[in-house]
């Protein structure tokens, strides 16, 4: 029986600039966009 394997490779590094003392909710849209683009 044949098998199929898929290997995921990251596209690169994602940089999110956000203030350290500001809520994390400002960074969530940028992180979500990077993950949905396949960069994880």
N, C-alpha and C. Protein backbone atom coordinates (compact mmCIF):
# COMPACT_ATOMS: atom_id res chain seq x y z
N UNK A 1 0.85 -1.17 0.00
CA UNK A 1 0.00 0.00 0.00
C UNK A 1 0.90 1.24 0.00
N UNK A 2 0.59 2.19 -0.84
CA UNK A 2 1.38 3.43 -0.95
C UNK A 2 1.03 4.39 0.18
N UNK A 3 2.02 5.13 0.59
CA UNK A 3 1.80 6.15 1.63
C UNK A 3 2.16 7.51 1.09
N UNK A 4 1.55 8.50 1.64
CA UNK A 4 1.79 9.88 1.24
C UNK A 4 2.19 10.68 2.48
N UNK A 5 3.29 11.40 2.38
CA UNK A 5 3.76 12.22 3.49
C UNK A 5 3.89 13.67 3.04
N UNK A 6 3.49 14.57 3.90
CA UNK A 6 3.60 16.00 3.64
C UNK A 6 4.48 16.61 4.71
N UNK A 7 5.54 17.30 4.30
CA UNK A 7 6.42 17.96 5.24
C UNK A 7 6.24 19.47 5.10
N UNK A 8 5.93 20.12 6.20
CA UNK A 8 5.74 21.57 6.20
C UNK A 8 7.06 22.26 6.52
N UNK A 9 7.41 23.27 5.73
CA UNK A 9 8.61 24.05 5.98
C UNK A 9 8.22 25.51 6.17
N UNK A 10 8.71 26.17 7.21
CA UNK A 10 8.39 27.57 7.43
C UNK A 10 8.91 28.44 6.28
N UNK A 11 8.21 29.51 5.99
CA UNK A 11 8.62 30.41 4.92
C UNK A 11 9.69 31.39 5.38
N UNK A 12 9.75 31.67 6.65
CA UNK A 12 10.73 32.62 7.15
C UNK A 12 10.39 33.06 8.56
N UNK A 13 10.91 34.20 8.93
CA UNK A 13 10.73 34.74 10.27
C UNK A 13 9.66 35.81 10.24
N UNK A 14 8.79 35.81 11.24
CA UNK A 14 7.77 36.85 11.36
C UNK A 14 8.14 37.75 12.53
N UNK A 15 8.19 39.04 12.29
CA UNK A 15 8.54 40.01 13.32
C UNK A 15 7.30 40.80 13.68
N UNK A 16 6.96 40.84 14.95
CA UNK A 16 5.82 41.61 15.44
C UNK A 16 6.35 42.63 16.43
N UNK A 17 6.23 43.90 16.06
CA UNK A 17 6.66 44.98 16.96
C UNK A 17 5.46 45.45 17.76
N UNK A 18 5.57 45.36 19.05
CA UNK A 18 4.49 45.75 19.94
C UNK A 18 5.10 46.26 21.24
N UNK A 19 4.41 47.17 21.88
CA UNK A 19 4.90 47.70 23.15
C UNK A 19 4.86 46.61 24.21
N UNK A 20 5.85 46.58 25.08
CA UNK A 20 5.93 45.53 26.09
C UNK A 20 4.88 45.71 27.18
N UNK A 21 4.42 46.93 27.38
CA UNK A 21 3.48 47.19 28.47
C UNK A 21 2.05 47.40 27.96
N UNK A 22 1.80 47.10 26.70
CA UNK A 22 0.47 47.26 26.13
C UNK A 22 -0.16 45.87 26.01
N UNK A 23 -1.46 45.77 26.05
CA UNK A 23 -2.10 44.44 25.99
C UNK A 23 -1.68 43.64 24.76
N UNK A 24 -1.65 42.35 24.94
CA UNK A 24 -1.23 41.44 23.86
C UNK A 24 -2.23 41.44 22.70
N UNK A 25 -3.41 41.97 22.93
CA UNK A 25 -4.44 41.96 21.89
C UNK A 25 -4.03 42.78 20.67
N UNK A 26 -3.08 43.68 20.80
CA UNK A 26 -2.62 44.44 19.63
C UNK A 26 -1.74 43.60 18.73
N UNK A 27 -1.10 42.57 19.27
CA UNK A 27 -0.21 41.73 18.47
C UNK A 27 -0.93 40.53 17.87
N UNK A 28 -2.08 40.17 18.40
CA UNK A 28 -2.78 38.96 17.95
C UNK A 28 -3.12 38.99 16.45
N UNK A 29 -3.62 40.09 15.88
CA UNK A 29 -3.92 40.06 14.43
C UNK A 29 -2.69 39.81 13.57
N UNK A 30 -1.54 40.34 13.95
CA UNK A 30 -0.33 40.13 13.17
C UNK A 30 0.16 38.69 13.29
N UNK A 31 0.08 38.13 14.47
CA UNK A 31 0.49 36.74 14.66
C UNK A 31 -0.48 35.81 13.93
N UNK A 32 -1.76 36.10 13.99
CA UNK A 32 -2.75 35.27 13.30
C UNK A 32 -2.54 35.31 11.78
N UNK A 33 -2.19 36.48 11.25
CA UNK A 33 -1.93 36.58 9.82
C UNK A 33 -0.71 35.77 9.41
N UNK A 34 0.33 35.78 10.23
CA UNK A 34 1.53 35.00 9.92
C UNK A 34 1.24 33.50 9.96
N UNK A 35 0.47 33.07 10.93
CA UNK A 35 0.15 31.64 11.04
C UNK A 35 -0.76 31.20 9.90
N UNK A 36 -1.75 32.03 9.55
CA UNK A 36 -2.67 31.63 8.48
C UNK A 36 -1.98 31.65 7.11
N UNK A 37 -0.89 32.40 6.98
CA UNK A 37 -0.15 32.41 5.73
C UNK A 37 0.75 31.18 5.60
N UNK A 38 0.80 30.38 6.65
CA UNK A 38 1.58 29.15 6.60
C UNK A 38 2.96 29.30 7.18
N UNK A 39 3.22 30.38 7.85
CA UNK A 39 4.55 30.62 8.41
C UNK A 39 4.57 30.23 9.88
N UNK A 40 4.53 28.94 10.13
CA UNK A 40 4.57 28.48 11.52
C UNK A 40 5.46 27.28 11.66
